[in-house]
Amino acid sequence: MKERERRERAIAKAKAELDDATDEHEAKTSAFEVEREALERRARAEEVRWEKQKEKLEAALRRARES
């Protein structure tokens, strides 16, 4: 009987460790996803900003060439 109890305790401990590690992993990957989404928003905003600036500068270049 003692061997069975020892095995059951070992199984319960291993399962608890696995559950804890799984929770930690899920929390980390969730945080990474939030960071990734924020970076994608920043990248899209930068692309919009750059396109506007580029259009403005190219228009100024055309005007300078036409002068």
PDB file of N, CA and C in Angstrom:
ATOM      1  N   MET A   1       0.825  -1.199   0.000  1.00  0.00           N
ATOM      2  CA  MET A   1       0.000   0.000   0.000  1.00  0.00           C
ATOM      3  C   MET A   1       0.866   1.258   0.000  1.00  0.00           C
ATOM      4  N   LYS A   2       1.979   1.232   0.741  1.00  0.00           N
ATOM      5  CA  LYS A   2       2.831   2.407   0.805  1.00  0.00           C
ATOM      6  C   LYS A   2       3.389   2.764  -0.566  1.00  0.00           C
ATOM      7  N   GLU A   3       3.756   1.767  -1.338  1.00  0.00           N
ATOM      8  CA  GLU A   3       4.304   2.012  -2.675  1.00  0.00           C
ATOM      9  C   GLU A   3       3.271   2.729  -3.550  1.00  0.00           C
ATOM     10  N   ARG A   4       2.041   2.301  -3.466  1.00  0.00           N
ATOM     11  CA  ARG A   4       0.969   2.928  -4.248  1.00  0.00           C
ATOM     12  C   ARG A   4       0.776   4.385  -3.815  1.00  0.00           C
ATOM     13  N   GLU A   5       0.765   4.626  -2.521  1.00  0.00           N
ATOM     14  CA  GLU A   5       0.603   5.994  -2.010  1.00  0.00           C
ATOM     15  C   GLU A   5       1.772   6.882  -2.460  1.00  0.00           C
ATOM     16  N   ARG A   6       2.978   6.332  -2.402  1.00  0.00           N
ATOM     17  CA  ARG A   6       4.144   7.093  -2.838  1.00  0.00           C
ATOM     18  C   ARG A   6       4.033   7.451  -4.323  1.00  0.00           C
ATOM     19  N   ARG A   7       3.622   6.470  -5.116  1.00  0.00           N
ATOM     20  CA  ARG A   7       3.451   6.688  -6.557  1.00  0.00           C
ATOM     21  C   ARG A   7       2.365   7.731  -6.814  1.00  0.00           C
ATOM     22  N   GLU A   8       1.254   7.653  -6.108  1.00  0.00           N
ATOM     23  CA  GLU A   8       0.166   8.619  -6.279  1.00  0.00           C
ATOM     24  C   GLU A   8       0.613  10.034  -5.888  1.00  0.00           C
ATOM     25  N   ARG A   9       1.397  10.140  -4.811  1.00  0.00           N
ATOM     26  CA  ARG A   9       1.923  11.457  -4.413  1.00  0.00           C
ATOM     27  C   ARG A   9       2.867  12.004  -5.486  1.00  0.00           C
ATOM     28  N   ALA A  10       3.702  11.127  -6.028  1.00  0.00           N
ATOM     29  CA  ALA A  10       4.643  11.541  -7.067  1.00  0.00           C
ATOM     30  C   ALA A  10       3.886  12.003  -8.319  1.00  0.00           C
ATOM     31  N   ILE A  11       2.845  11.287  -8.654  1.00  0.00           N
ATOM     32  CA  ILE A  11       2.030  11.659  -9.814  1.00  0.00           C
ATOM     33  C   ILE A  11       1.352  13.007  -9.570  1.00  0.00           C
ATOM     34  N   ALA A  12       0.780  13.186  -8.390  1.00  0.00           N
ATOM     35  CA  ALA A  12       0.105  14.441  -8.056  1.00  0.00           C
ATOM     36  C   ALA A  12       1.093  15.609  -8.092  1.00  0.00           C
ATOM     37  N   LYS A  13       2.298  15.388  -7.564  1.00  0.00           N
ATOM     38  CA  LYS A  13       3.315  16.446  -7.572  1.00  0.00           C
ATOM     39  C   LYS A  13       3.727  16.790  -9.001  1.00  0.00           C
ATOM     40  N   ALA A  14       3.964  15.784  -9.810  1.00  0.00           N
ATOM     41  CA  ALA A  14       4.368  16.016 -11.196  1.00  0.00           C
ATOM     42  C   ALA A  14       3.267  16.745 -11.964  1.00  0.00           C
ATOM     43  N   LYS A  15       2.010  16.351 -11.733  1.00  0.00           N
ATOM     44  CA  LYS A  15       0.897  17.007 -12.412  1.00  0.00           C
ATOM     45  C   LYS A  15       0.774  18.464 -11.983  1.00  0.00           C
ATOM     46  N   ALA A  16       0.951  18.725 -10.688  1.00  0.00           N
ATOM     47  CA  ALA A  16       0.884  20.104 -10.180  1.00  0.00           C
ATOM     48  C   ALA A  16       1.991  20.946 -10.804  1.00  0.00           C
ATOM     49  N   GLU A  17       3.191  20.382 -10.924  1.00  0.00           N
ATOM     50  CA  GLU A  17       4.299  21.108 -11.548  1.00  0.00           C
ATOM     51  C   GLU A  17       4.009  21.393 -13.019  1.00  0.00           C
ATOM     52  N   LEU A  18       3.454  20.397 -13.691  1.00  0.00           N
ATOM     53  CA  LEU A  18       3.088  20.591 -15.100  1.00  0.00           C
ATOM     54  C   LEU A  18       2.015  21.673 -15.232  1.00  0.00           C
ATOM     55  N   ASP A  19       1.012  21.636 -14.370  1.00  0.00           N
ATOM     56  CA  ASP A  19      -0.049  22.652 -14.407  1.00  0.00           C
ATOM     57  C   ASP A  19       0.517  24.049 -14.159  1.00  0.00           C
ATOM     58  N   ASP A  20       1.415  24.171 -13.179  1.00  0.00           N
ATOM     59  CA  ASP A  20       2.034  25.468 -12.888  1.00  0.00           C
ATOM     60  C   ASP A  20       2.847  25.967 -14.081  1.00  0.00           C
ATOM     61  N   ALA A  21       3.629  25.075 -14.671  1.00  0.00           N
ATOM     62  CA  ALA A  21       4.449  25.452 -15.824  1.00  0.00           C
ATOM     63  C   ALA A  21       3.569  25.839 -17.015  1.00  0.00           C
ATOM     64  N   THR A  22       2.473  25.138 -17.191  1.00  0.00           N
ATOM     65  CA  THR A  22       1.545  25.459 -18.271  1.00  0.00           C
ATOM     66  C   THR A  22       0.942  26.850 -18.067  1.00  0.00           C
ATOM     67  N   ASP A  23       0.524  27.135 -16.837  1.00  0.00           N
ATOM     68  CA  ASP A  23      -0.036  28.457 -16.523  1.00  0.00           C
ATOM     69  C   ASP A  23       0.989  29.558 -16.794  1.00  0.00           C
ATOM     70  N   GLU A  24       2.237  29.317 -16.377  1.00  0.00           N
ATOM     71  CA  GLU A  24       3.292  30.315 -16.589  1.00  0.00           C
ATOM     72  C   GLU A  24       3.528  30.534 -18.090  1.00  0.00           C
ATOM     73  N   HIS A  25       3.585  29.445 -18.831  1.00  0.00           N
ATOM     74  CA  HIS A  25       3.776  29.526 -20.284  1.00  0.00           C
ATOM     75  C   HIS A  25       2.645  30.309 -20.939  1.00  0.00           C
ATOM     76  N   GLU A  26       1.413  30.009 -20.583  1.00  0.00           N
ATOM     77  CA  GLU A  26       0.263  30.703 -21.166  1.00  0.00           C
ATOM     78  C   GLU A  26       0.275  32.186 -20.827  1.00  0.00           C
ATOM     79  N   ALA A  27       0.678  32.537 -19.617  1.00  0.00           N
ATOM     80  CA  ALA A  27       0.758  33.947 -19.226  1.00  0.00           C
ATOM     81  C   ALA A  27       1.815  34.667 -20.050  1.00  0.00           C
ATOM     82  N   LYS A  28       2.960  34.022 -20.240  1.00  0.00           N
ATOM     83  CA  LYS A  28       4.033  34.639 -21.028  1.00  0.00           C
ATOM     84  C   LYS A  28       3.611  34.816 -22.484  1.00  0.00           C
ATOM     85  N   THR A  29       3.031  33.783 -23.072  1.00  0.00           N
ATOM     86  CA  THR A  29       2.654  33.894 -24.482  1.00  0.00           C
ATOM     87  C   THR A  29       1.533  34.916 -24.666  1.00  0.00           C
ATOM     88  N   SER A  30       0.654  35.023 -23.688  1.00  0.00           N
ATOM     89  CA  SER A  30      -0.397  36.035 -23.750  1.00  0.00           C
ATOM     90  C   SER A  30       0.211  37.436 -23.715  1.00  0.00           C
ATOM     91  N   ALA A  31       1.194  37.628 -22.843  1.00  0.00           N
ATOM     92  CA  ALA A  31       1.864  38.929 -22.767  1.00  0.00           C
ATOM     93  C   ALA A  31       2.593  39.234 -24.067  1.00  0.00           C
ATOM     94  N   PHE A  32       3.230  38.225 -24.659  1.00  0.00           N
ATOM     95  CA  PHE A  32       3.914  38.425 -25.937  1.00  0.00           C
ATOM     96  C   PHE A  32       2.919  38.832 -27.019  1.00  0.00           C
ATOM     97  N   GLU A  33       1.756  38.231 -27.006  1.00  0.00           N
ATOM     98  CA  GLU A  33       0.727  38.558 -28.002  1.00  0.00           C
ATOM     99  C   GLU A  33       0.289  40.017 -27.857  1.00  0.00           C
ATOM    100  N   VAL A  34       0.104  40.463 -26.636  1.00  0.00           N
ATOM    101  CA  VAL A  34      -0.277  41.859 -26.395  1.00  0.00           C
ATOM    102  C   VAL A  34       0.821  42.792 -26.914  1.00  0.00           C
ATOM    103  N   GLU A  35       2.075  42.458 -26.623  1.00  0.00           N
ATOM    104  CA  GLU A  35       3.199  43.270 -27.100  1.00  0.00           C
ATOM    105  C   GLU A  35       3.264  43.271 -28.621  1.00  0.00           C
ATOM    106  N   ARG A  36       3.048  42.103 -29.229  1.00  0.00           N
ATOM    107  CA  ARG A  36       3.088  41.993 -30.692  1.00  0.00           C
ATOM    108  C   ARG A  36       2.023  42.861 -31.334  1.00  0.00           C
ATOM    109  N   GLU A  37       0.822  42.825 -30.785  1.00  0.00           N
ATOM    110  CA  GLU A  37      -0.264  43.647 -31.322  1.00  0.00           C
ATOM    111  C   GLU A  37       0.063  45.130 -31.202  1.00  0.00           C
ATOM    112  N   ALA A  38       0.659  45.525 -30.075  1.00  0.00           N
ATOM    113  CA  ALA A  38       1.044  46.932 -29.892  1.00  0.00           C
ATOM    114  C   ALA A  38       2.113  47.331 -30.902  1.00  0.00           C
ATOM    115  N   LEU A  39       3.072  46.464 -31.131  1.00  0.00           N
ATOM    116  CA  LEU A  39       4.118  46.752 -32.117  1.00  0.00           C
ATOM    117  C   LEU A  39       3.531  46.858 -33.527  1.00  0.00           C
ATOM    118  N   GLU A  40       2.591  45.992 -33.846  1.00  0.00           N
ATOM    119  CA  GLU A  40       1.955  46.059 -35.167  1.00  0.00           C
ATOM    120  C   GLU A  40       1.200  47.375 -35.331  1.00  0.00           C
ATOM    121  N   ARG A  41       0.513  47.827 -34.283  1.00  0.00           N
ATOM    122  CA  ARG A  41      -0.189  49.119 -34.363  1.00  0.00           C
ATOM    123  C   ARG A  41       0.807  50.248 -34.578  1.00  0.00           C
ATOM    124  N   ARG A  42       1.912  50.215 -33.839  1.00  0.00           N
ATOM    125  CA  ARG A  42       2.931  51.254 -33.991  1.00  0.00           C
ATOM    126  C   ARG A  42       3.528  51.223 -35.391  1.00  0.00           C
ATOM    127  N   ALA A  43       3.762  50.033 -35.919  1.00  0.00           N
ATOM    128  CA  ALA A  43       4.331  49.908 -37.266  1.00  0.00           C
ATOM    129  C   ALA A  43       3.363  50.460 -38.314  1.00  0.00           C
ATOM    130  N   ARG A  44       2.072  50.164 -38.161  1.00  0.00           N
ATOM    131  CA  ARG A  44       1.079  50.697 -39.117  1.00  0.00           C
ATOM    132  C   ARG A  44       1.020  52.214 -39.026  1.00  0.00           C
ATOM    133  N   ALA A  45       1.052  52.753 -37.814  1.00  0.00           N
ATOM    134  CA  ALA A  45       1.013  54.206 -37.635  1.00  0.00           C
ATOM    135  C   ALA A  45       2.252  54.847 -38.250  1.00  0.00           C
ATOM    136  N   GLU A  46       3.401  54.221 -38.081  1.00  0.00           N
ATOM    137  CA  GLU A  46       4.634  54.756 -38.673  1.00  0.00           C
ATOM    138  C   GLU A  46       4.559  54.720 -40.200  1.00  0.00           C
ATOM    139  N   GLU A  47       3.987  53.672 -40.738  1.00  0.00           N
ATOM    140  CA  GLU A  47       3.852  53.571 -42.198  1.00  0.00           C
ATOM    141  C   GLU A  47       2.964  54.692 -42.735  1.00  0.00           C
ATOM    142  N   VAL A  48       1.864  54.975 -42.055  1.00  0.00           N
ATOM    143  CA  VAL A  48       0.968  56.064 -42.454  1.00  0.00           C
ATOM    144  C   VAL A  48       1.706  57.398 -42.357  1.00  0.00           C
ATOM    145  N   ARG A  49       2.418  57.604 -41.237  1.00  0.00           N
ATOM    146  CA  ARG A  49       3.162  58.844 -41.062  1.00  0.00           C
ATOM    147  C   ARG A  49       4.198  59.014 -42.171  1.00  0.00           C
ATOM    148  N   TRP A  50       4.927  57.948 -42.477  1.00  0.00           N
ATOM    149  CA  TRP A  50       5.958  58.010 -43.509  1.00  0.00           C
ATOM    150  C   TRP A  50       5.352  58.315 -44.879  1.00  0.00           C
ATOM    151  N   GLU A  51       4.267  57.680 -45.218  1.00  0.00           N
ATOM    152  CA  GLU A  51       3.644  57.925 -46.524  1.00  0.00           C
ATOM    153  C   GLU A  51       3.235  59.389 -46.668  1.00  0.00           C
ATOM    154  N   LYS A  52       2.668  59.965 -45.612  1.00  0.00           N
ATOM    155  CA  LYS A  52       2.282  61.381 -45.659  1.00  0.00           C
ATOM    156  C   LYS A  52       3.504  62.269 -45.819  1.00  0.00           C
ATOM    157  N   GLN A  53       4.542  61.996 -45.048  1.00  0.00           N
ATOM    158  CA  GLN A  53       5.766  62.802 -45.130  1.00  0.00           C
ATOM    159  C   GLN A  53       6.411  62.652 -46.504  1.00  0.00           C
ATOM    160  N   LYS A  54       6.443  61.440 -47.001  1.00  0.00           N
ATOM    161  CA  LYS A  54       7.059  61.175 -48.306  1.00  0.00           C
ATOM    162  C   LYS A  54       6.310  61.925 -49.409  1.00  0.00           C
ATOM    163  N   GLU A  55       4.985  61.869 -49.376  1.00  0.00           N
ATOM    164  CA  GLU A  55       4.190  62.589 -50.379  1.00  0.00           C
ATOM    165  C   GLU A  55       4.479  64.092 -50.312  1.00  0.00           C
ATOM    166  N   LYS A  56       4.549  64.632 -49.114  1.00  0.00           N
ATOM    167  CA  LYS A  56       4.821  66.060 -48.934  1.00  0.00           C
ATOM    168  C   LYS A  56       6.202  66.425 -49.487  1.00  0.00           C
ATOM    169  N   LEU A  57       7.200  65.614 -49.179  1.00  0.00           N
ATOM    170  CA  LEU A  57       8.559  65.891 -49.641  1.00  0.00           C
ATOM    171  C   LEU A  57       8.697  65.708 -51.147  1.00  0.00           C
ATOM    172  N   GLU A  58       8.030  64.706 -51.682  1.00  0.00           N
ATOM    173  CA  GLU A  58       8.078  64.518 -53.133  1.00  0.00           C
ATOM    174  C   GLU A  58       7.392  65.669 -53.858  1.00  0.00           C
ATOM    175  N   ALA A  59       6.297  66.181 -53.300  1.00  0.00           N
ATOM    176  CA  ALA A  59       5.619  67.335 -53.897  1.00  0.00           C
ATOM    177  C   ALA A  59       6.535  68.557 -53.859  1.00  0.00           C
ATOM    178  N   ALA A  60       7.244  68.750 -52.765  1.00  0.00           N
ATOM    179  CA  ALA A  60       8.177  69.871 -52.661  1.00  0.00           C
ATOM    180  C   ALA A  60       9.303  69.712 -53.671  1.00  0.00           C
ATOM    181  N   LEU A  61       9.775  68.495 -53.876  1.00  0.00           N
ATOM    182  CA  LEU A  61      10.821  68.243 -54.855  1.00  0.00           C
ATOM    183  C   LEU A  61      10.326  68.556 -56.266  1.00  0.00           C
ATOM    184  N   ARG A  62       9.089  68.150 -56.583  1.00  0.00           N
ATOM    185  CA  ARG A  62       8.519  68.452 -57.913  1.00  0.00           C
ATOM    186  C   ARG A  62       8.414  69.964 -58.115  1.00  0.00           C
ATOM    187  N   ARG A  63       7.927  70.660 -57.092  1.00  0.00           N
ATOM    188  CA  ARG A  63       7.802  72.114 -57.211  1.00  0.00           C
ATOM    189  C   ARG A  63       9.160  72.779 -57.411  1.00  0.00           C
ATOM    190  N   ALA A  64      10.190  72.279 -56.703  1.00  0.00           N
ATOM    191  CA  ALA A  64      11.535  72.850 -56.843  1.00  0.00           C
ATOM    192  C   ALA A  64      12.068  72.597 -58.242  1.00  0.00           C
ATOM    193  N   ARG A  65      11.785  71.449 -58.807  1.00  0.00           N
ATOM    194  CA  ARG A  65      12.268  71.130 -60.158  1.00  0.00           C
ATOM    195  C   ARG A  65      11.544  71.976 -61.209  1.00  0.00           C
ATOM    196  N   GLU A  66      10.292  72.301 -60.946  1.00  0.00           N
ATOM    197  CA  GLU A  66       9.499  73.076 -61.907  1.00  0.00           C
ATOM    198  C   GLU A  66       9.816  74.553 -61.852  1.00  0.00           C
ATOM    199  N   SER A  67      10.478  74.996 -60.816  1.00  0.00           N
ATOM    200  CA  SER A  67      10.792  76.426 -60.651  1.00  0.00           C
ATOM    201  C   SER A  67      11.916  76.840 -61.566  1.00  0.00           C
TER     202      SER A  67
END
